[in-house]
Amino acid sequence: MALDNIGHQQKKNHNLQLQVFKQILKLILLIQMKKEIKLKMDI
């Protein structure tokens, strides 16, 4: 039972890490898009 519980916790942690990773990727993409839009505006 305890082992099963640990496995469940690790799965939850992994899901959290995935969500954080996705959020960071979204932020990076947004920043990249803003930079490109700014470059196009400058030209």
C-alpha atoms as a PDB file:
ATOM      1  CA  MET A   1       0.000   0.000   0.000  1.00  0.00           C
ATOM      2  CA  ALA A   2       2.782   2.391   0.938  1.00  0.00           C
ATOM      3  CA  LEU A   3       4.641   1.653  -2.293  1.00  0.00           C
ATOM      4  CA  ASP A   4       1.486   2.289  -4.305  1.00  0.00           C
ATOM      5  CA  ASN A   5       1.076   5.604  -2.507  1.00  0.00           C
ATOM      6  CA  ILE A   6       4.634   6.672  -3.340  1.00  0.00           C
ATOM      7  CA  GLY A   7       4.032   5.821  -6.999  1.00  0.00           C
ATOM      8  CA  HIS A   8       0.913   7.984  -6.961  1.00  0.00           C
ATOM      9  CA  GLN A   9       2.819  10.900  -5.412  1.00  0.00           C
ATOM     10  CA  GLN A  10       5.565  10.641  -8.031  1.00  0.00           C
ATOM     11  CA  LYS A  11       2.950  10.637 -10.790  1.00  0.00           C
ATOM     12  CA  LYS A  12       1.382  13.772  -9.315  1.00  0.00           C
ATOM     13  CA  ASN A  13       4.789  15.455  -9.096  1.00  0.00           C
ATOM     14  CA  HIS A  14       5.515  14.517 -12.706  1.00  0.00           C
ATOM     15  CA  ASN A  15       2.210  16.040 -13.836  1.00  0.00           C
ATOM     16  CA  LEU A  16       3.015  19.233 -11.928  1.00  0.00           C
ATOM     17  CA  GLN A  17       6.443  19.433 -13.559  1.00  0.00           C
ATOM     18  CA  LEU A  18       4.834  18.956 -16.979  1.00  0.00           C
ATOM     19  CA  GLN A  19       2.355  21.761 -16.318  1.00  0.00           C
ATOM     20  CA  VAL A  20       5.118  24.107 -15.157  1.00  0.00           C
ATOM     21  CA  PHE A  21       7.196  23.180 -18.210  1.00  0.00           C
ATOM     22  CA  LYS A  22       4.249  23.948 -20.515  1.00  0.00           C
ATOM     23  CA  GLN A  23       3.705  27.310 -18.816  1.00  0.00           C
ATOM     24  CA  ILE A  24       7.381  28.220 -19.268  1.00  0.00           C
ATOM     25  CA  LEU A  25       7.237  27.194 -22.942  1.00  0.00           C
ATOM     26  CA  LYS A  26       4.163  29.375 -23.453  1.00  0.00           C
ATOM     27  CA  LEU A  27       5.948  32.330 -21.870  1.00  0.00           C
ATOM     28  CA  ILE A  28       9.010  31.838 -24.065  1.00  0.00           C
ATOM     29  CA  LEU A  29       6.817  31.626 -27.171  1.00  0.00           C
ATOM     30  CA  LEU A  30       4.956  34.791 -26.177  1.00  0.00           C
ATOM     31  CA  ILE A  31       8.207  36.683 -25.627  1.00  0.00           C
ATOM     32  CA  GLN A  32       9.548  35.472 -28.991  1.00  0.00           C
ATOM     33  CA  MET A  33       6.354  36.557 -30.748  1.00  0.00           C
ATOM     34  CA  LYS A  34       6.472  39.983 -29.122  1.00  0.00           C
ATOM     35  CA  LYS A  35      10.107  40.439 -30.190  1.00  0.00           C
ATOM     36  CA  GLU A  36       9.268  39.494 -33.786  1.00  0.00           C
ATOM     37  CA  ILE A  37       6.260  41.813 -33.878  1.00  0.00           C
ATOM     38  CA  LYS A  38       8.437  44.625 -32.516  1.00  0.00           C
ATOM     39  CA  LEU A  39      11.044  43.944 -35.213  1.00  0.00           C
ATOM     40  CA  LYS A  40       8.385  44.083 -37.925  1.00  0.00           C
ATOM     41  CA  MET A  41       7.072  47.351 -36.499  1.00  0.00           C
ATOM     42  CA  ASP A  42      10.593  48.841 -36.527  1.00  0.00           C
ATOM     43  CA  ILE A  43      11.188  47.957 -40.177  1.00  0.00           C
END
